[in-house]
Structure formats: C-alpha cells, structure tokens
N, C-alpha and C. Protein backbone atom coordinates (compact mmCIF):
# COMPACT_ATOMS: atom_id res chain seq x y z
N MET A 1 111.65 88.28 45.15
CA MET A 1 112.32 87.02 45.41
C MET A 1 113.80 87.11 45.05
N ALA A 2 114.13 87.68 43.89
CA ALA A 2 115.52 87.78 43.46
C ALA A 2 116.31 88.70 44.37
N VAL A 3 115.67 89.75 44.88
CA VAL A 3 116.35 90.68 45.78
C VAL A 3 116.70 89.99 47.09
N SER A 4 115.78 89.22 47.66
CA SER A 4 116.06 88.53 48.92
C SER A 4 117.11 87.43 48.73
N LEU A 5 117.14 86.78 47.56
CA LEU A 5 118.17 85.78 47.28
C LEU A 5 119.54 86.45 47.17
N ARG A 6 119.61 87.59 46.49
CA ARG A 6 120.86 88.33 46.39
C ARG A 6 121.34 88.79 47.76
N LEU A 7 120.41 89.29 48.57
CA LEU A 7 120.75 89.74 49.91
C LEU A 7 121.30 88.58 50.74
N ALA A 8 120.67 87.43 50.64
CA ALA A 8 121.15 86.25 51.37
C ALA A 8 122.55 85.85 50.91
N LEU A 9 122.80 85.87 49.61
CA LEU A 9 124.12 85.52 49.09
C LEU A 9 125.18 86.52 49.54
N VAL A 10 124.84 87.80 49.54
CA VAL A 10 125.77 88.83 49.98
C VAL A 10 126.10 88.64 51.46
N LEU A 11 125.09 88.34 52.28
CA LEU A 11 125.32 88.12 53.70
C LEU A 11 126.20 86.89 53.95
N ILE A 12 125.94 85.81 53.22
CA ILE A 12 126.75 84.60 53.36
C ILE A 12 128.19 84.88 52.97
N LEU A 13 128.39 85.59 51.87
CA LEU A 13 129.73 85.93 51.43
C LEU A 13 130.45 86.81 52.46
N ALA A 14 129.75 87.79 52.99
CA ALA A 14 130.35 88.69 53.97
C ALA A 14 130.75 87.94 55.24
N VAL A 15 129.90 87.06 55.71
CA VAL A 15 130.20 86.28 56.91
C VAL A 15 131.37 85.34 56.66
N SER A 16 131.40 84.68 55.51
CA SER A 16 132.50 83.74 55.23
C SER A 16 133.82 84.48 55.06
N LEU A 17 133.82 85.67 54.45
CA LEU A 17 135.05 86.44 54.34
C LEU A 17 135.53 86.90 55.71
N GLN A 18 134.60 87.29 56.55
CA GLN A 18 134.97 87.72 57.90
C GLN A 18 135.55 86.55 58.67
N TYR A 19 134.99 85.36 58.53
CA TYR A 19 135.48 84.19 59.25
C TYR A 19 136.89 83.82 58.80
N THR A 20 137.15 83.82 57.51
CA THR A 20 138.49 83.45 57.05
C THR A 20 139.50 84.51 57.43
N GLU A 21 139.11 85.77 57.45
CA GLU A 21 140.01 86.84 57.86
C GLU A 21 140.27 86.75 59.36
N ALA A 22 139.25 86.37 60.12
CA ALA A 22 139.36 86.38 61.57
C ALA A 22 140.24 85.25 62.11
N TRP A 23 140.37 84.16 61.42
CA TRP A 23 141.15 83.03 61.91
C TRP A 23 142.24 82.67 60.94
N ARG A 24 143.18 83.57 60.74
CA ARG A 24 144.27 83.29 59.82
C ARG A 24 145.57 83.08 60.58
N GLN A 25 146.37 82.20 60.06
CA GLN A 25 147.68 81.91 60.65
C GLN A 25 148.66 83.01 60.24
N MET A 26 149.34 83.57 61.23
CA MET A 26 150.34 84.60 60.98
C MET A 26 151.72 83.98 61.19
N PRO A 27 152.76 84.59 60.66
CA PRO A 27 154.12 84.05 60.85
C PRO A 27 154.49 83.98 62.33
N LYS A 28 155.23 82.93 62.67
CA LYS A 28 155.70 82.76 64.04
C LYS A 28 156.74 83.82 64.36
N LEU A 29 156.66 84.36 65.56
CA LEU A 29 157.65 85.31 66.02
C LEU A 29 158.84 84.59 66.65
N SER A 30 158.62 83.37 67.13
CA SER A 30 159.67 82.60 67.79
C SER A 30 159.27 81.13 67.85
N GLU A 31 160.24 80.27 68.04
CA GLU A 31 159.97 78.83 68.17
C GLU A 31 159.76 78.41 69.62
N LYS A 32 160.27 79.22 70.58
CA LYS A 32 160.18 78.87 72.00
C LYS A 32 159.77 80.07 72.83
N LYS A 33 159.22 79.76 74.01
CA LYS A 33 158.83 80.80 74.95
C LYS A 33 159.09 80.32 76.37
N LEU A 34 159.23 81.26 77.27
CA LEU A 34 159.40 80.97 78.69
C LEU A 34 158.09 81.26 79.42
N CYS A 35 157.69 80.32 80.27
CA CYS A 35 156.42 80.42 80.98
C CYS A 35 156.60 80.02 82.43
N ALA A 36 155.55 80.22 83.22
CA ALA A 36 155.56 79.80 84.61
C ALA A 36 155.23 78.32 84.75
N ASP A 37 154.53 77.76 83.75
CA ASP A 37 154.15 76.35 83.77
C ASP A 37 154.10 75.84 82.34
N GLY A 38 153.94 74.55 82.16
CA GLY A 38 153.97 73.94 80.83
C GLY A 38 152.87 74.38 79.89
N GLU A 39 151.79 74.89 80.41
CA GLU A 39 150.67 75.36 79.57
C GLU A 39 150.64 76.87 79.43
N CYS A 40 151.54 77.55 80.08
CA CYS A 40 151.57 79.03 80.09
C CYS A 40 150.25 79.60 80.57
N SER A 41 149.64 78.93 81.54
CA SER A 41 148.32 79.35 82.01
C SER A 41 148.35 80.26 83.24
N HIS A 42 149.53 80.41 83.83
CA HIS A 42 149.66 81.28 85.00
C HIS A 42 150.57 82.45 84.67
N PRO A 43 150.23 83.64 85.15
CA PRO A 43 151.08 84.80 84.85
C PRO A 43 152.43 84.71 85.55
N ILE A 44 153.45 85.18 84.84
CA ILE A 44 154.81 85.26 85.37
C ILE A 44 154.95 86.51 86.24
N SER A 45 154.42 87.60 85.72
CA SER A 45 154.61 88.88 86.40
C SER A 45 153.52 89.86 86.02
N MET A 46 153.56 91.00 86.69
CA MET A 46 152.71 92.13 86.34
C MET A 46 153.63 93.24 85.87
N ALA A 47 153.16 94.01 84.90
CA ALA A 47 153.95 95.12 84.36
C ALA A 47 153.03 96.31 84.14
N VAL A 48 153.65 97.48 84.07
CA VAL A 48 152.90 98.72 83.79
C VAL A 48 153.42 99.30 82.48
N ALA A 49 152.50 99.73 81.64
CA ALA A 49 152.87 100.31 80.35
C ALA A 49 153.51 101.68 80.55
N LEU A 50 154.68 101.86 79.97
CA LEU A 50 155.40 103.14 80.05
C LEU A 50 154.96 104.11 78.97
N GLU A 51 154.38 103.56 77.90
CA GLU A 51 153.92 104.38 76.78
C GLU A 51 152.83 103.63 76.04
N ASP A 52 152.14 104.34 75.16
CA ASP A 52 151.12 103.72 74.32
C ASP A 52 151.79 102.83 73.29
N PHE A 53 151.12 101.73 72.95
CA PHE A 53 151.58 100.85 71.88
C PHE A 53 150.39 100.56 70.97
N TYR A 54 150.57 100.85 69.69
CA TYR A 54 149.53 100.61 68.69
C TYR A 54 149.97 99.42 67.85
N PRO A 55 149.22 98.32 67.89
CA PRO A 55 149.65 97.09 67.21
C PRO A 55 149.71 97.22 65.70
N SER A 56 150.68 96.51 65.12
CA SER A 56 150.85 96.51 63.67
C SER A 56 150.00 95.44 63.00
N ASP A 57 149.64 94.39 63.74
CA ASP A 57 148.74 93.37 63.22
C ASP A 57 148.02 92.69 64.38
N CYS A 58 147.18 91.73 64.07
CA CYS A 58 146.28 91.15 65.06
C CYS A 58 146.95 90.24 66.08
N ARG A 59 148.22 89.94 65.95
CA ARG A 59 148.92 89.14 66.96
C ARG A 59 149.21 89.96 68.21
N PHE A 60 149.21 91.27 68.05
CA PHE A 60 149.59 92.18 69.12
C PHE A 60 148.37 92.83 69.76
N ILE A 61 148.53 93.26 71.00
CA ILE A 61 147.43 93.94 71.70
C ILE A 61 147.76 95.41 71.87
N PRO A 62 146.75 96.26 71.80
CA PRO A 62 146.98 97.68 72.06
C PRO A 62 147.17 97.91 73.56
N ILE A 63 148.08 98.80 73.89
CA ILE A 63 148.38 99.11 75.28
C ILE A 63 148.39 100.62 75.44
N ARG A 64 147.77 101.09 76.52
CA ARG A 64 147.81 102.52 76.83
C ARG A 64 148.69 102.76 78.04
N LYS A 65 149.39 103.85 78.01
CA LYS A 65 150.29 104.22 79.11
C LYS A 65 149.55 104.11 80.45
N GLY A 66 150.20 103.45 81.40
CA GLY A 66 149.62 103.31 82.73
C GLY A 66 148.83 102.03 82.95
N GLN A 67 148.47 101.32 81.88
CA GLN A 67 147.72 100.09 82.04
C GLN A 67 148.57 99.00 82.68
N VAL A 68 147.92 98.13 83.43
CA VAL A 68 148.58 96.98 84.04
C VAL A 68 148.44 95.79 83.09
N ILE A 69 149.54 95.10 82.88
CA ILE A 69 149.57 93.94 81.99
C ILE A 69 150.01 92.73 82.79
N TYR A 70 149.28 91.64 82.65
CA TYR A 70 149.70 90.37 83.22
C TYR A 70 150.53 89.65 82.16
N VAL A 71 151.78 89.36 82.46
CA VAL A 71 152.70 88.73 81.51
C VAL A 71 152.61 87.22 81.69
N PHE A 72 152.23 86.50 80.62
CA PHE A 72 152.09 85.05 80.67
C PHE A 72 153.26 84.31 80.04
N SER A 73 153.95 84.94 79.11
CA SER A 73 155.12 84.28 78.49
C SER A 73 156.05 85.33 77.90
N LYS A 74 157.30 84.90 77.73
CA LYS A 74 158.33 85.74 77.11
C LYS A 74 158.96 84.92 76.00
N LEU A 75 158.91 85.43 74.78
CA LEU A 75 159.46 84.70 73.66
C LEU A 75 160.98 84.63 73.76
N LYS A 76 161.52 83.55 73.20
CA LYS A 76 162.98 83.35 73.20
C LYS A 76 163.51 83.47 71.78
N GLY A 77 164.81 83.50 71.66
CA GLY A 77 165.44 83.52 70.34
C GLY A 77 165.16 84.79 69.59
N ARG A 78 164.83 84.64 68.30
CA ARG A 78 164.63 85.82 67.45
C ARG A 78 163.44 86.69 67.88
N GLY A 79 162.52 86.13 68.67
CA GLY A 79 161.37 86.91 69.12
C GLY A 79 161.49 87.41 70.55
N ARG A 80 162.70 87.38 71.11
CA ARG A 80 162.90 87.67 72.53
C ARG A 80 162.49 89.08 72.96
N LEU A 81 162.27 89.96 72.01
CA LEU A 81 161.86 91.32 72.35
C LEU A 81 160.36 91.43 72.62
N PHE A 82 159.64 90.31 72.44
CA PHE A 82 158.19 90.33 72.61
C PHE A 82 157.75 89.43 73.76
N TRP A 83 156.78 89.92 74.50
CA TRP A 83 156.16 89.16 75.56
C TRP A 83 154.68 88.99 75.21
N ALA A 84 154.04 88.00 75.83
CA ALA A 84 152.60 87.80 75.66
C ALA A 84 151.92 88.05 76.99
N GLY A 85 150.82 88.75 76.93
CA GLY A 85 150.13 89.05 78.16
C GLY A 85 148.70 89.48 77.92
N SER A 86 148.07 89.86 79.01
CA SER A 86 146.68 90.27 78.98
C SER A 86 146.56 91.64 79.64
N VAL A 87 145.79 92.50 79.03
CA VAL A 87 145.58 93.85 79.56
C VAL A 87 144.08 94.11 79.61
N GLN A 88 143.67 94.82 80.65
CA GLN A 88 142.27 95.22 80.79
C GLN A 88 142.25 96.60 81.41
N SER A 89 141.35 97.44 80.94
CA SER A 89 141.32 98.83 81.40
C SER A 89 141.03 98.96 82.88
N GLY A 90 140.13 98.18 83.39
CA GLY A 90 139.79 98.26 84.80
C GLY A 90 138.91 97.09 85.19
N TYR A 91 138.56 97.01 86.46
CA TYR A 91 137.80 95.87 86.95
C TYR A 91 136.44 95.76 86.27
N TYR A 92 135.76 96.87 86.12
CA TYR A 92 134.45 96.87 85.47
C TYR A 92 134.54 97.43 84.05
N SER A 93 135.60 97.15 83.39
CA SER A 93 135.86 97.72 82.07
C SER A 93 134.94 97.14 81.01
N GLU A 94 134.67 97.95 80.00
CA GLU A 94 133.94 97.46 78.83
C GLU A 94 134.86 96.69 77.90
N GLN A 95 136.16 96.92 77.99
CA GLN A 95 137.13 96.23 77.16
C GLN A 95 137.39 94.85 77.75
N GLU A 96 137.19 93.80 76.94
CA GLU A 96 137.48 92.45 77.40
C GLU A 96 138.98 92.26 77.55
N ALA A 97 139.35 91.43 78.50
CA ALA A 97 140.76 91.06 78.62
C ALA A 97 141.10 90.24 77.38
N ARG A 98 142.23 90.53 76.77
CA ARG A 98 142.63 89.86 75.54
C ARG A 98 144.10 89.51 75.64
N LEU A 99 144.45 88.31 75.23
CA LEU A 99 145.83 87.86 75.26
C LEU A 99 146.48 88.17 73.92
N GLY A 100 147.68 88.73 73.97
CA GLY A 100 148.40 89.03 72.74
C GLY A 100 149.82 89.46 73.04
N PHE A 101 150.57 89.74 72.01
CA PHE A 101 151.98 90.12 72.14
C PHE A 101 152.13 91.63 72.21
N PHE A 102 153.25 92.04 72.80
CA PHE A 102 153.61 93.45 72.87
C PHE A 102 155.13 93.52 73.06
N PRO A 103 155.74 94.62 72.67
CA PRO A 103 157.19 94.74 72.88
C PRO A 103 157.50 94.91 74.36
N SER A 104 158.50 94.19 74.83
CA SER A 104 158.88 94.31 76.24
C SER A 104 159.41 95.70 76.56
N SER A 105 159.83 96.43 75.56
CA SER A 105 160.40 97.77 75.77
C SER A 105 159.36 98.82 76.17
N VAL A 106 158.07 98.53 76.01
CA VAL A 106 157.05 99.53 76.34
C VAL A 106 156.45 99.32 77.72
N VAL A 107 156.99 98.33 78.48
CA VAL A 107 156.49 98.06 79.82
C VAL A 107 157.63 97.97 80.82
N GLU A 108 157.26 98.09 82.09
CA GLU A 108 158.21 97.87 83.18
C GLU A 108 157.59 96.84 84.11
N GLU A 109 158.31 95.74 84.33
CA GLU A 109 157.82 94.73 85.27
C GLU A 109 157.81 95.33 86.67
N THR A 110 156.67 95.19 87.35
CA THR A 110 156.54 95.78 88.68
C THR A 110 156.44 94.73 89.77
N GLN A 111 156.00 93.52 89.40
CA GLN A 111 155.84 92.49 90.41
C GLN A 111 156.05 91.11 89.79
N LEU A 112 156.99 90.35 90.33
CA LEU A 112 157.20 88.98 89.91
C LEU A 112 156.21 88.10 90.65
N LEU A 113 155.44 87.32 89.90
CA LEU A 113 154.43 86.45 90.52
C LEU A 113 154.93 85.01 90.64
N GLN A 114 155.62 84.54 89.60
CA GLN A 114 156.18 83.19 89.58
C GLN A 114 157.40 83.20 88.67
N PRO A 115 158.34 82.30 88.92
CA PRO A 115 159.49 82.24 88.00
C PRO A 115 159.03 81.83 86.59
N GLY A 116 159.54 82.50 85.61
CA GLY A 116 159.23 82.18 84.21
C GLY A 116 160.36 81.39 83.60
N ASP A 117 160.61 80.20 84.12
CA ASP A 117 161.78 79.44 83.68
C ASP A 117 161.43 78.12 83.00
N VAL A 118 160.16 77.91 82.67
CA VAL A 118 159.75 76.70 81.97
C VAL A 118 159.78 77.00 80.46
N GLU A 119 160.66 76.32 79.74
CA GLU A 119 160.77 76.53 78.30
C GLU A 119 159.73 75.67 77.58
N VAL A 120 158.94 76.31 76.74
CA VAL A 120 157.85 75.65 76.03
C VAL A 120 157.98 75.99 74.55
N MET A 121 157.70 75.02 73.69
CA MET A 121 157.67 75.27 72.25
C MET A 121 156.41 76.08 71.92
N THR A 122 156.54 77.05 71.05
CA THR A 122 155.35 77.78 70.62
C THR A 122 154.53 76.88 69.71
N GLU A 123 153.25 77.13 69.69
CA GLU A 123 152.31 76.37 68.86
C GLU A 123 151.80 77.27 67.74
N PRO A 124 151.34 76.69 66.65
CA PRO A 124 150.77 77.53 65.59
C PRO A 124 149.65 78.45 66.08
N TRP A 125 148.81 77.97 67.01
CA TRP A 125 147.70 78.80 67.49
C TRP A 125 148.18 80.01 68.28
N ASP A 126 149.44 80.01 68.75
CA ASP A 126 149.98 81.18 69.45
C ASP A 126 149.98 82.40 68.52
N PHE A 127 149.96 82.15 67.23
CA PHE A 127 150.11 83.24 66.25
C PHE A 127 148.90 83.34 65.31
N TYR A 128 147.78 82.78 65.72
CA TYR A 128 146.54 82.95 64.96
C TYR A 128 145.96 84.32 65.27
N CYS A 129 145.35 84.90 64.28
CA CYS A 129 144.62 86.14 64.48
C CYS A 129 143.16 85.81 64.67
N ASN A 130 142.57 86.46 65.66
CA ASN A 130 141.14 86.23 65.88
C ASN A 130 140.41 87.53 66.02
C-alpha cells in the first residue's frame, strides 16, 4: 500500500512539474510585429532555410537546411531580426507543424503570399513555451 501511494505521489509530482515547465512565460522579444492580417493567421511569405538552426530555448523552432518555412509575422523594433513561422519536413511528415521564432538571417524569402504591413501588438502568449 505504501509503495503504491509513493508511486502515485511521484507521478503526480512529475506531471505537475512537467506542466509548469511546459507553459512558462518567456521574455518578450518585441512589443510589435508585422502580419498579413490583424490576427496573424495568414502567412506573409514562404522561405527556404539556408542553413540549420538549433534553437536556444522553446520560443524558437529548429530548422534544417532546405526546409520550407511559412512566415506568419516579422517582429519589429528590438526583435526585428526574428520572424515567426511554421516548418514541416514534408506532406506526410512525422514532425508536426509548429509555430515559433527563428532568425531571419537563416532563411531566404522565395515567395510573397500577402503584404505583411499590418502592425499588431505582441501578446504574452506569443512568447509562452509549450
């Protein structure tokens, strides 16, 4: 009985630590961003990765050379070197599409889809880690 109670407590603790780690607020990279629409729900452009990028924290997405990235927003001001987008290995990929930041210097825009001229304030959830 005591062993199963200890096991249950350890599992509860492990799950709660994982939950708090998984949804933590990270520092904002910028106060404003440029998007195609007010909700930043449509991609601005498509880009191709020129080199691999290994993220330093959970706000960023890993990118491999040659991958196609859909760019949804471009940060302004002090964060202007970072864009937000989604990358997926392929159509039937095992890797889920994930939205995150990456340095604009590691990609080349290949196709403009919509003008990215709508200025939007960043929200705290833009910088949550999940």
